[in-house]
């Protein structure tokens, strides 16, 4: 894949590039050698758990809210799947309310509570068009679990928002798919998906920075996408 293709794919998404810079500054986005769940050796790693103080989480929520409002996706409430989705969904709900859109929020427990209010759901009752909030999507497993929970409550799993779309082939049982997890959720599960940033945005960022310090990182990430990236990615 040529530099020109990288530049065209990224399409100069200012919000995405700002988010990538923010993630690098926070140490959330790191470069090196990391083994993914699929057993691939990735040249970068995104750990949303390192948005680990109030200021970082607040700015992260603002990125989520900006991307959602710009997407035009309609939804009636926010759902944060356990565990990482819980603080993400809560922070997003607070930010949306601050921006004038106060919506119900709910999350699930991994294990149902057998005392007090009981059950596995906490917060507002699930109803209407539900937005699922998560950090990244590797195989769509967490989304499928969320869909089951939401439908069981009589609500409509409508859309998903994530921080980073890796734009790479999903892998299950050691076999690479032709589609990414995001493509699978869109095409097979029928949910809208939006992300704050994508791998193409990360490549754009590295391309802009490579004359300074990211030349080797750019080349490794580009080679990784050439090997594992999905074709005809419209995400």
Foldseek 3Di string as FASTA:
>chain_A
DDPVVLCVVQVCDPLQLVLLVLQVVLVQKDADWDQDPLRDTARIHGHPCSCPDDVSLLVLLVLQLVQVVVVPDDAAEEEQEPDQRVSNRVSNQVVCVVVPHHHWYKYFAPDWDPDDVTGTIDTDQQAEEYEYEDAEFAACPSVVVVCVVNVVSVYHDAAYEYAEYAQFFHDDPNDTDLGGNQVCCCPVVVHHYDYSYYLSSVLVSLVVCVVPPRVVVNVRSVVVCVVTHHPPDPD
